[in-house]
C-alpha cells in the first residue's frame, strides 16, 4: 500500500515538473521570436500618413493668427475638445 502511494506521488511530481518546464520552454521560444522594432521599422510598417490641415472655420484661442501644422511641428500640442451641452 505504501509503495502504491509513493509511486503516485512520484508520478504526480514528475508530471508537475514536466508541465512547469514545458511552459517555460514555450515562453522562451515566444521571446526569441518577438523582436523589438526600431522607430524607423515601426514607421515603415505603419506607412507614412500626413496630418490633415486645420479647418479654416475653427476658432483659435490664445493666438492672434491661425496656426499651421508647419508652425507646430516638433512642439507639444494640447487639443482641448469641449462641449457646452448636456450629453446625458
Protein backbone atom coordinates (compact mmCIF):
# COMPACT_ATOMS: atom_id res chain seq x y z
CA UNK A 1 0.00 0.00 0.00
CA UNK A 2 2.80 2.39 0.90
CA UNK A 3 4.58 1.67 -2.39
CA UNK A 4 1.48 2.49 -4.41
CA UNK A 5 1.11 5.85 -2.64
CA UNK A 6 4.81 6.64 -3.21
CA UNK A 7 4.54 5.74 -6.90
CA UNK A 8 1.53 8.04 -7.28
CA UNK A 9 3.39 10.89 -5.59
CA UNK A 10 6.42 10.38 -7.82
CA UNK A 11 4.27 10.31 -10.96
CA UNK A 12 2.43 13.48 -9.89
CA UNK A 13 5.75 15.18 -9.10
CA UNK A 14 7.24 14.23 -12.47
CA UNK A 15 4.12 15.40 -14.33
CA UNK A 16 4.18 18.70 -12.44
CA UNK A 17 7.84 19.27 -13.29
CA UNK A 18 7.18 18.40 -16.93
CA UNK A 19 4.33 20.88 -17.08
CA UNK A 20 6.42 23.65 -15.50
CA UNK A 21 9.43 23.12 -17.76
CA UNK A 22 7.35 22.82 -20.92
CA UNK A 23 5.60 26.09 -20.05
CA UNK A 24 8.95 27.80 -19.51
CA UNK A 25 10.25 26.42 -22.81
CA UNK A 26 7.24 27.75 -24.73
CA UNK A 27 7.63 31.19 -23.13
CA UNK A 28 11.31 31.32 -24.09
CA UNK A 29 10.50 30.43 -27.69
CA UNK A 30 7.99 33.28 -27.87
CA UNK A 31 10.57 35.74 -26.55
CA UNK A 32 13.07 34.67 -29.20
CA UNK A 33 10.55 35.15 -32.00
CA UNK A 34 9.41 38.59 -30.89
CA UNK A 35 12.00 41.25 -31.52
CA UNK A 36 11.89 44.86 -30.56
CA UNK A 37 11.30 47.05 -33.58
CA UNK A 38 13.12 50.32 -34.05
CA UNK A 39 11.25 53.57 -34.56
CA UNK A 40 12.09 53.52 -38.27
CA UNK A 41 10.76 49.96 -38.68
CA UNK A 42 7.52 50.86 -36.91
CA UNK A 43 7.02 53.91 -39.12
CA UNK A 44 7.77 51.83 -42.20
CA UNK A 45 5.16 49.24 -41.19
CA UNK A 46 2.56 51.91 -40.41
CA UNK A 47 3.14 53.76 -43.62
CA UNK A 48 3.62 57.48 -43.93
CA UNK A 49 0.44 59.36 -43.18
CA UNK A 50 0.27 63.11 -43.35
CA UNK A 51 -1.93 65.03 -40.95
CA UNK A 52 -4.89 66.85 -42.39
CA UNK A 53 -4.65 70.66 -42.32
CA UNK A 54 -6.72 72.54 -39.78
CA UNK A 55 -10.19 73.58 -40.95
CA UNK A 56 -10.46 77.25 -41.84
CA UNK A 57 -13.66 77.85 -39.87
CA UNK A 58 -12.42 76.99 -36.35
CA UNK A 59 -11.99 79.46 -33.52
CA UNK A 60 -8.47 79.91 -32.19
CA UNK A 61 -7.75 80.72 -28.54
CA UNK A 62 -4.67 82.48 -27.13
CA UNK A 63 -3.30 83.36 -30.56
CA UNK A 64 -3.86 86.25 -32.93
CA UNK A 65 -3.46 84.34 -36.19
CA UNK A 66 -4.45 80.78 -37.07
CA UNK A 67 -1.64 78.26 -36.71
CA UNK A 68 -0.44 75.82 -39.33
CA UNK A 69 0.96 72.34 -38.96
CA UNK A 70 4.38 73.57 -40.08
CA UNK A 71 4.45 76.02 -37.17
CA UNK A 72 3.57 73.28 -34.69
CA UNK A 73 5.97 70.63 -35.96
CA UNK A 74 8.28 69.39 -33.21
CA UNK A 75 6.26 71.04 -30.44
CA UNK A 76 3.91 69.55 -27.88
CA UNK A 77 0.31 70.36 -28.72
CA UNK A 78 -2.70 70.03 -26.42
CA UNK A 79 -6.02 69.69 -28.19
CA UNK A 80 -8.94 70.61 -25.95
CA UNK A 81 -12.25 69.12 -27.03
CA UNK A 82 -15.09 70.71 -25.11
CA UNK A 83 -18.85 70.70 -25.34
CA UNK A 84 -21.28 73.23 -23.92
CA UNK A 85 -24.30 70.95 -23.82
CA UNK A 86 -25.52 68.13 -21.63
CA UNK A 87 -24.60 64.77 -23.13
CA UNK A 88 -26.93 62.75 -20.92
